[in-house]
Amino acid sequence: MERYINPYTEFDKWMFVLRNLSGLMERPAALQERVFNRLFEAAEIITQATGLSIKEIEEL
């Protein structure tokens, strides 16, 4: 039985999420770790509290 090797490093995941957060409609499978769950929860709270989208917040 072959062992699955994750091709993405933590750095790759962080760079992806930071570059694409405003355009993500749902969380990719590779970003299901606890730290990313907390990041997405925080982003959702911010957008609900301000009424702004992540893209609008990035432009501030």
Protein backbone atom coordinates (compact mmCIF):
# COMPACT_ATOMS: atom_id res chain seq x y z
CA MET A 1 0.00 0.00 0.00
CA GLU A 2 1.44 3.35 -1.06
CA ARG A 3 1.63 6.15 1.45
CA TYR A 4 0.14 9.51 0.48
CA ILE A 5 2.62 12.36 0.61
CA ASN A 6 1.18 15.85 0.85
CA PRO A 7 2.88 17.98 -1.84
CA TYR A 8 2.01 21.24 -0.09
CA THR A 9 4.14 22.74 2.66
CA GLU A 10 2.72 24.97 5.39
CA PHE A 11 4.29 27.92 3.58
CA ASP A 12 2.49 26.95 0.35
CA LYS A 13 -0.84 26.78 2.17
CA TRP A 14 -0.37 30.16 3.86
CA MET A 15 0.67 31.84 0.62
CA PHE A 16 -2.34 30.38 -1.16
CA VAL A 17 -4.83 31.48 1.49
CA LEU A 18 -3.35 34.97 1.84
CA ARG A 19 -3.38 35.52 -1.92
CA ASN A 20 -6.84 34.06 -2.50
CA LEU A 21 -8.85 34.66 0.67
CA SER A 22 -11.09 37.27 -0.92
CA GLY A 23 -12.04 35.00 -3.79
CA LEU A 24 -12.58 31.71 -1.96
CA MET A 25 -16.21 30.63 -1.85
CA GLU A 26 -15.49 27.53 0.22
CA ARG A 27 -12.51 26.15 2.08
CA PRO A 28 -10.28 23.81 0.03
CA ALA A 29 -9.64 20.34 1.44
CA ALA A 30 -5.95 21.16 1.97
CA LEU A 31 -6.94 23.98 4.36
CA GLN A 32 -8.96 21.97 6.88
CA GLU A 33 -6.40 22.25 9.67
CA ARG A 34 -7.26 23.97 12.93
CA VAL A 35 -5.23 27.11 12.25
CA PHE A 36 -7.01 27.67 8.95
CA ASN A 37 -10.39 26.96 10.53
CA ARG A 38 -9.68 29.77 12.99
CA LEU A 39 -8.56 32.08 10.19
CA PHE A 40 -11.75 31.50 8.19
CA GLU A 41 -13.89 31.94 11.31
CA ALA A 42 -12.17 35.25 12.07
CA ALA A 43 -12.62 36.42 8.48
CA GLU A 44 -16.32 35.55 8.65
CA ILE A 45 -16.76 37.46 11.93
CA ILE A 46 -15.02 40.51 10.48
CA THR A 47 -17.17 40.54 7.36
CA GLN A 48 -20.36 40.15 9.39
CA ALA A 49 -19.38 42.87 11.87
CA THR A 50 -18.33 45.42 9.26
CA GLY A 51 -20.72 44.55 6.45
CA LEU A 52 -17.74 44.60 4.09
CA SER A 53 -16.41 41.77 1.96
CA ILE A 54 -12.87 40.48 2.45
CA LYS A 55 -11.93 42.10 -0.87
CA GLU A 56 -13.21 45.49 0.36
CA ILE A 57 -11.32 45.10 3.63
CA GLU A 58 -8.09 44.26 1.75
CA GLU A 59 -8.48 47.49 -0.23
CA LEU A 60 -8.67 49.66 2.92
